[in-house]
C-alpha atoms as a PDB file:
ATOM      1  CA  MET A   1      57.206 148.955-310.255  1.00  0.00           C
ATOM      2  CA  ALA A   2      55.114 146.295-311.970  1.00  0.00           C
ATOM      3  CA  LEU A   3      54.565 142.589-311.364  1.00  0.00           C
ATOM      4  CA  ASN A   4      56.823 141.723-314.298  1.00  0.00           C
ATOM      5  CA  ASN A   5      59.756 143.186-312.329  1.00  0.00           C
ATOM      6  CA  ILE A   6      59.610 140.224-309.937  1.00  0.00           C
ATOM      7  CA  GLU A   7      62.349 137.693-310.722  1.00  0.00           C
ATOM      8  CA  HIS A   8      62.206 135.329-307.738  1.00  0.00           C
ATOM      9  CA  LEU A   9      59.483 134.262-305.330  1.00  0.00           C
ATOM     10  CA  VAL A  10      60.412 132.666-302.007  1.00  0.00           C
ATOM     11  CA  VAL A  11      57.665 130.747-300.181  1.00  0.00           C
ATOM     12  CA  VAL A  12      58.335 130.681-296.421  1.00  0.00           C
ATOM     13  CA  MET A  13      56.267 128.138-294.494  1.00  0.00           C
ATOM     14  CA  MET A  14      56.523 128.656-290.740  1.00  0.00           C
ATOM     15  CA  GLU A  15      55.336 125.988-288.341  1.00  0.00           C
ATOM     16  CA  ASN A  16      52.647 127.429-286.042  1.00  0.00           C
ATOM     17  CA  ARG A  17      53.382 130.991-287.136  1.00  0.00           C
ATOM     18  CA  SER A  18      51.113 133.465-288.857  1.00  0.00           C
ATOM     19  CA  PHE A  19      51.844 136.602-290.845  1.00  0.00           C
ATOM     20  CA  ASP A  20      50.680 138.787-287.955  1.00  0.00           C
ATOM     21  CA  ASN A  21      52.764 136.803-285.488  1.00  0.00           C
ATOM     22  CA  LEU A  22      56.046 137.592-287.258  1.00  0.00           C
ATOM     23  CA  LEU A  23      55.423 140.517-289.653  1.00  0.00           C
ATOM     24  CA  GLY A  24      52.304 142.185-288.303  1.00  0.00           C
ATOM     25  CA  TRP A  25      54.184 145.312-287.189  1.00  0.00           C
ATOM     26  CA  LEU A  26      56.408 145.624-290.260  1.00  0.00           C
ATOM     27  CA  TYR A  27      54.733 148.870-291.397  1.00  0.00           C
ATOM     28  CA  ASP A  28      52.078 151.292-290.175  1.00  0.00           C
ATOM     29  CA  ASP A  29      49.725 152.989-292.625  1.00  0.00           C
ATOM     30  CA  LEU A  30      49.848 156.304-290.732  1.00  0.00           C
ATOM     31  CA  SER A  31      53.372 156.712-289.386  1.00  0.00           C
ATOM     32  CA  ASN A  32      55.433 154.234-291.400  1.00  0.00           C
ATOM     33  CA  PRO A  33      53.703 153.161-294.632  1.00  0.00           C
ATOM     34  CA  PRO A  34      55.404 150.924-297.206  1.00  0.00           C
ATOM     35  CA  SER A  35      57.103 152.634-300.130  1.00  0.00           C
ATOM     36  CA  PHE A  36      54.802 150.989-302.682  1.00  0.00           C
ATOM     37  CA  ASN A  37      52.384 148.141-303.290  1.00  0.00           C
ATOM     38  CA  LEU A  38      52.234 145.595-306.093  1.00  0.00           C
ATOM     39  CA  PRO A  39      50.122 146.190-308.110  1.00  0.00           C
ATOM     40  CA  THR A  40      50.741 149.917-307.658  1.00  0.00           C
ATOM     41  CA  GLN A  41      48.178 151.878-305.624  1.00  0.00           C
ATOM     42  CA  PRO A  42      47.879 155.682-305.251  1.00  0.00           C
ATOM     43  CA  SER A  43      48.499 155.394-301.500  1.00  0.00           C
ATOM     44  CA  PRO A  44      50.468 152.317-300.387  1.00  0.00           C
ATOM     45  CA  THR A  45      48.807 150.359-297.588  1.00  0.00           C
ATOM     46  CA  PHE A  46      49.757 147.545-295.248  1.00  0.00           C
ATOM     47  CA  GLU A  47      47.284 145.079-293.723  1.00  0.00           C
ATOM     48  CA  GLY A  48      49.076 144.573-290.434  1.00  0.00           C
ATOM     49  CA  LEU A  49      48.513 145.141-286.728  1.00  0.00           C
ATOM     50  CA  ARG A  50      47.911 148.388-284.857  1.00  0.00           C
ATOM     51  CA  PRO A  51      47.977 149.116-281.109  1.00  0.00           C
ATOM     52  CA  ASN A  52      44.693 148.670-279.229  1.00  0.00           C
ATOM     53  CA  THR A  53      42.840 147.578-282.372  1.00  0.00           C
ATOM     54  CA  PHE A  54      42.617 143.793-282.764  1.00  0.00           C
ATOM     55  CA  SER A  55      41.420 141.762-279.801  1.00  0.00           C
ATOM     56  CA  ASN A  56      39.646 138.662-278.486  1.00  0.00           C
ATOM     57  CA  VAL A  57      37.539 138.363-275.342  1.00  0.00           C
ATOM     58  CA  LEU A  58      37.722 135.541-272.786  1.00  0.00           C
ATOM     59  CA  ASN A  59      35.570 135.423-269.650  1.00  0.00           C
ATOM     60  CA  GLY A  60      34.753 139.092-270.038  1.00  0.00           C
ATOM     61  CA  ASN A  61      38.390 140.163-270.359  1.00  0.00           C
ATOM     62  CA  ARG A  62      39.496 141.797-273.615  1.00  0.00           C
ATOM     63  CA  VAL A  63      43.032 140.974-274.735  1.00  0.00           C
ATOM     64  CA  TYR A  64      44.658 142.968-277.563  1.00  0.00           C
ATOM     65  CA  ALA A  65      47.297 141.865-280.042  1.00  0.00           C
ATOM     66  CA  THR A  66      50.587 143.284-278.744  1.00  0.00           C
ATOM     67  CA  HIS A  67      54.356 142.993-279.028  1.00  0.00           C
ATOM     68  CA  PRO A  68      56.926 142.051-277.857  1.00  0.00           C
ATOM     69  CA  PRO A  69      56.093 138.658-276.341  1.00  0.00           C
ATOM     70  CA  THR A  70      56.746 138.016-272.662  1.00  0.00           C
ATOM     71  CA  ALA A  71      57.647 134.918-270.671  1.00  0.00           C
ATOM     72  CA  TRP A  72      54.775 132.513-269.961  1.00  0.00           C
ATOM     73  CA  PRO A  73      54.659 129.137-268.241  1.00  0.00           C
ATOM     74  CA  PRO A  74      55.476 126.413-269.017  1.00  0.00           C
ATOM     75  CA  ALA A  75      58.327 127.569-271.301  1.00  0.00           C
ATOM     76  CA  ASN A  76      59.017 130.882-269.486  1.00  0.00           C
ATOM     77  CA  ASN A  77      60.798 132.078-272.623  1.00  0.00           C
ATOM     78  CA  PRO A  78      59.520 135.005-274.750  1.00  0.00           C
ATOM     79  CA  ASN A  79      61.070 133.472-277.866  1.00  0.00           C
ATOM     80  CA  ALA A  80      58.990 130.308-277.379  1.00  0.00           C
ATOM     81  CA  VAL A  81      55.614 132.093-277.402  1.00  0.00           C
ATOM     82  CA  PRO A  82      53.176 130.472-277.894  1.00  0.00           C
ATOM     83  CA  THR A  83      53.871 127.279-275.950  1.00  0.00           C
ATOM     84  CA  PRO A  84      52.220 124.815-276.275  1.00  0.00           C
ATOM     85  CA  ASP A  85      51.455 124.967-280.003  1.00  0.00           C
ATOM     86  CA  PRO A  86      47.923 126.029-280.951  1.00  0.00           C
ATOM     87  CA  HIS A  87      45.611 123.388-282.411  1.00  0.00           C
ATOM     88  CA  GLU A  88      45.609 123.175-286.204  1.00  0.00           C
ATOM     89  CA  GLU A  89      42.932 120.602-287.052  1.00  0.00           C
ATOM     90  CA  PHE A  90      39.877 121.934-288.892  1.00  0.00           C
ATOM     91  CA  PRO A  91      37.343 121.957-285.979  1.00  0.00           C
ATOM     92  CA  PHE A  92      39.803 124.033-283.920  1.00  0.00           C
ATOM     93  CA  VAL A  93      40.463 126.303-286.893  1.00  0.00           C
ATOM     94  CA  ASN A  94      36.716 126.902-287.189  1.00  0.00           C
ATOM     95  CA  LEU A  95      36.609 127.901-283.532  1.00  0.00           C
ATOM     96  CA  GLN A  96      39.568 130.242-283.994  1.00  0.00           C
ATOM     97  CA  LEU A  97      38.150 131.961-287.072  1.00  0.00           C
ATOM     98  CA  PHE A  98      34.422 131.971-286.337  1.00  0.00           C
ATOM     99  CA  GLY A  99      34.194 131.670-282.554  1.00  0.00           C
ATOM    100  CA  THR A 100      32.418 128.324-282.951  1.00  0.00           C
ATOM    101  CA  ALA A 101      33.492 124.889-284.165  1.00  0.00           C
ATOM    102  CA  SER A 102      30.332 124.615-286.306  1.00  0.00           C
ATOM    103  CA  PRO A 103      29.733 127.922-288.112  1.00  0.00           C
ATOM    104  CA  ALA A 104      26.609 128.289-290.222  1.00  0.00           C
ATOM    105  CA  ALA A 105      26.966 128.391-293.980  1.00  0.00           C
ATOM    106  CA  GLY A 106      27.784 131.849-295.293  1.00  0.00           C
ATOM    107  CA  VAL A 107      28.942 133.279-291.968  1.00  0.00           C
ATOM    108  CA  VAL A 108      31.904 135.638-292.294  1.00  0.00           C
ATOM    109  CA  ALA A 109      34.902 134.854-290.085  1.00  0.00           C
ATOM    110  CA  ASP A 110      35.398 137.476-287.389  1.00  0.00           C
ATOM    111  CA  MET A 111      38.614 136.005-285.926  1.00  0.00           C
ATOM    112  CA  SER A 112      37.027 135.987-282.487  1.00  0.00           C
ATOM    113  CA  GLY A 113      37.939 132.523-281.214  1.00  0.00           C
ATOM    114  CA  PHE A 114      41.738 132.380-280.991  1.00  0.00           C
ATOM    115  CA  LEU A 115      41.831 133.194-277.297  1.00  0.00           C
ATOM    116  CA  LEU A 116      38.918 130.877-276.520  1.00  0.00           C
ATOM    117  CA  ASP A 117      40.499 127.980-278.401  1.00  0.00           C
ATOM    118  CA  TYR A 118      43.894 128.490-276.803  1.00  0.00           C
ATOM    119  CA  SER A 119      42.379 128.500-273.324  1.00  0.00           C
ATOM    120  CA  ALA A 120      41.545 124.807-273.778  1.00  0.00           C
ATOM    121  CA  PRO A 121      43.288 122.395-271.371  1.00  0.00           C
ATOM    122  CA  ASP A 122      46.596 122.342-273.298  1.00  0.00           C
ATOM    123  CA  ALA A 123      47.384 125.976-272.471  1.00  0.00           C
ATOM    124  CA  GLY A 124      44.995 126.699-269.635  1.00  0.00           C
ATOM    125  CA  GLY A 125      43.237 129.967-268.910  1.00  0.00           C
ATOM    126  CA  ALA A 126      46.158 131.433-266.960  1.00  0.00           C
ATOM    127  CA  SER A 127      48.484 131.283-269.981  1.00  0.00           C
ATOM    128  CA  ALA A 128      45.959 131.742-272.773  1.00  0.00           C
ATOM    129  CA  ALA A 129      46.664 135.443-273.418  1.00  0.00           C
ATOM    130  CA  GLN A 130      50.070 134.611-274.884  1.00  0.00           C
ATOM    131  CA  ILE A 131      48.312 133.623-278.103  1.00  0.00           C
ATOM    132  CA  MET A 132      47.631 137.350-278.663  1.00  0.00           C
ATOM    133  CA  GLN A 133      51.306 138.279-278.363  1.00  0.00           C
ATOM    134  CA  THR A 134      53.420 138.802-281.473  1.00  0.00           C
ATOM    135  CA  PHE A 135      56.968 139.594-282.566  1.00  0.00           C
ATOM    136  CA  GLY A 136      57.796 143.122-283.706  1.00  0.00           C
ATOM    137  CA  PRO A 137      60.611 144.192-286.082  1.00  0.00           C
ATOM    138  CA  ALA A 138      63.111 144.258-283.212  1.00  0.00           C
ATOM    139  CA  ASP A 139      62.077 140.801-282.026  1.00  0.00           C
ATOM    140  CA  ALA A 140      62.112 139.030-285.415  1.00  0.00           C
ATOM    141  CA  ASN A 141      64.646 141.354-286.986  1.00  0.00           C
ATOM    142  CA  VAL A 142      66.065 139.095-289.698  1.00  0.00           C
ATOM    143  CA  LEU A 143      62.691 138.262-291.208  1.00  0.00           C
ATOM    144  CA  ASN A 144      61.454 141.857-290.937  1.00  0.00           C
ATOM    145  CA  ASP A 145      64.633 143.255-292.532  1.00  0.00           C
ATOM    146  CA  LEU A 146      64.296 140.808-295.423  1.00  0.00           C
ATOM    147  CA  ALA A 147      60.690 141.873-295.919  1.00  0.00           C
ATOM    148  CA  ARG A 148      61.626 145.567-295.886  1.00  0.00           C
ATOM    149  CA  ASN A 149      64.461 145.168-298.367  1.00  0.00           C
ATOM    150  CA  PHE A 150      62.510 143.015-300.783  1.00  0.00           C
ATOM    151  CA  ALA A 151      58.725 142.592-300.614  1.00  0.00           C
ATOM    152  CA  VAL A 152      56.160 140.510-298.756  1.00  0.00           C
ATOM    153  CA  TRP A 153      52.752 139.080-299.609  1.00  0.00           C
ATOM    154  CA  THR A 154      50.371 140.085-296.835  1.00  0.00           C
ATOM    155  CA  THR A 155      47.515 137.625-297.393  1.00  0.00           C
ATOM    156  CA  GLY A 156      49.250 134.254-297.462  1.00  0.00           C
ATOM    157  CA  SER A 157      48.725 133.119-293.888  1.00  0.00           C
ATOM    158  CA  HIS A 158      45.997 130.975-292.385  1.00  0.00           C
ATOM    159  CA  PRO A 159      45.650 128.327-289.689  1.00  0.00           C
ATOM    160  CA  CYS A 160      45.087 124.784-290.909  1.00  0.00           C
ATOM    161  CA  PRO A 161      46.632 121.294-290.761  1.00  0.00           C
ATOM    162  CA  ARG A 162      50.186 121.046-292.069  1.00  0.00           C
ATOM    163  CA  ARG A 163      49.787 119.262-295.384  1.00  0.00           C
ATOM    164  CA  PRO A 164      46.651 121.028-296.603  1.00  0.00           C
ATOM    165  CA  GLY A 165      48.411 124.252-295.688  1.00  0.00           C
ATOM    166  CA  ARG A 166      51.267 123.424-298.010  1.00  0.00           C
ATOM    167  CA  THR A 167      48.922 123.620-300.996  1.00  0.00           C
ATOM    168  CA  ALA A 168      47.539 127.065-300.193  1.00  0.00           C
ATOM    169  CA  PRO A 169      50.440 129.346-301.226  1.00  0.00           C
ATOM    170  CA  LEU A 170      51.149 127.201-304.292  1.00  0.00           C
ATOM    171  CA  SER A 171      47.613 126.651-305.540  1.00  0.00           C
ATOM    172  CA  THR A 172      45.619 129.527-303.920  1.00  0.00           C
ATOM    173  CA  ARG A 173      43.386 127.029-302.108  1.00  0.00           C
ATOM    174  CA  VAL A 174      43.527 124.687-299.133  1.00  0.00           C
ATOM    175  CA  HIS A 175      43.161 121.077-300.245  1.00  0.00           C
ATOM    176  CA  PRO A 176      42.116 118.842-297.330  1.00  0.00           C
ATOM    177  CA  THR A 177      43.680 115.646-298.686  1.00  0.00           C
ATOM    178  CA  ALA A 178      46.996 117.008-299.939  1.00  0.00           C
ATOM    179  CA  ILE A 179      49.505 114.261-299.212  1.00  0.00           C
ATOM    180  CA  SER A 180      51.795 114.285-302.223  1.00  0.00           C
ATOM    181  CA  ALA A 181      53.628 116.558-304.619  1.00  0.00           C
ATOM    182  CA  THR A 182      51.363 115.195-307.366  1.00  0.00           C
ATOM    183  CA  THR A 183      48.326 116.567-305.542  1.00  0.00           C
ATOM    184  CA  ILE A 184      49.918 119.993-305.271  1.00  0.00           C
ATOM    185  CA  MET A 185      50.805 120.021-308.959  1.00  0.00           C
ATOM    186  CA  ARG A 186      47.226 119.069-309.847  1.00  0.00           C
ATOM    187  CA  PHE A 187      45.918 122.177-308.109  1.00  0.00           C
ATOM    188  CA  MET A 188      48.762 124.490-309.059  1.00  0.00           C
ATOM    189  CA  THR A 189      47.689 127.864-310.448  1.00  0.00           C
ATOM    190  CA  PHE A 190      50.879 129.724-309.554  1.00  0.00           C
ATOM    191  CA  PRO A 191      53.499 130.351-310.806  1.00  0.00           C
ATOM    192  CA  PRO A 192      52.322 131.181-314.329  1.00  0.00           C
ATOM    193  CA  SER A 193      53.333 129.035-317.260  1.00  0.00           C
ATOM    194  CA  SER A 194      55.908 131.622-318.321  1.00  0.00           C
ATOM    195  CA  MET A 195      58.040 130.732-315.280  1.00  0.00           C
ATOM    196  CA  SER A 196      60.209 127.642-314.883  1.00  0.00           C
ATOM    197  CA  TRP A 197      59.414 125.621-311.775  1.00  0.00           C
ATOM    198  CA  ARG A 198      58.979 122.153-310.305  1.00  0.00           C
ATOM    199  CA  VAL A 199      57.877 120.675-306.990  1.00  0.00           C
ATOM    200  CA  ARG A 200      60.157 118.586-304.815  1.00  0.00           C
ATOM    201  CA  ALA A 201      58.865 116.455-301.946  1.00  0.00           C
ATOM    202  CA  GLY A 202      60.947 115.146-299.079  1.00  0.00           C
ATOM    203  CA  ARG A 203      60.190 113.895-295.566  1.00  0.00           C
ATOM    204  CA  GLY A 204      56.548 114.777-296.049  1.00  0.00           C
ATOM    205  CA  GLU A 205      57.277 118.404-296.988  1.00  0.00           C
ATOM    206  CA  PHE A 206      56.932 120.128-300.359  1.00  0.00           C
ATOM    207  CA  PHE A 207      59.241 122.635-302.040  1.00  0.00           C
ATOM    208  CA  MET A 208      59.047 124.650-305.236  1.00  0.00           C
ATOM    209  CA  ILE A 209      62.531 124.825-306.769  1.00  0.00           C
ATOM    210  CA  PRO A 210      64.099 125.767-310.137  1.00  0.00           C
ATOM    211  CA  PRO A 211      64.165 122.986-312.724  1.00  0.00           C
END
């Protein structure tokens, strides 16, 4: 299968959700690999989560990414994990990605600060580990079944403020002052000119729809 076999692209923008949070366990390279990749690769791969592999450390305690989520205060509802919402402003994003709010130029993100950031007063240390919990195929079954029966882009998720984040999947970059559909169109590099498309804005949100 080639890229020119794709007829429709659906952009799903989840509030306070990441790819790993909802689709991280969709496949497993060893026991349950995807049928194919686009573009085609000799051995299909999936950049998802694996047991006892990805972790953060807080106060000397290592916490791994796991599923399914469990009940945590204050919501006490597995389906509401994480509660409260994680911070999304850029200084907090720096802390989440780099382990510090002020990373030096050229430093590679090691994803070490999610637990530290979430342990701030909003969540508290006692409930911070919920940020490392995710939803497996049985927990987010509709979204996972859609991904299995169609296809999913594995690198389109990142933490950032809402409106700059809207530009990323449409323009392949995060634009810090994106406040209008015009701004998104100015930075649009996808879809290609051979496809028909337009941007619609409403209630502060942006949508790519057929003309």
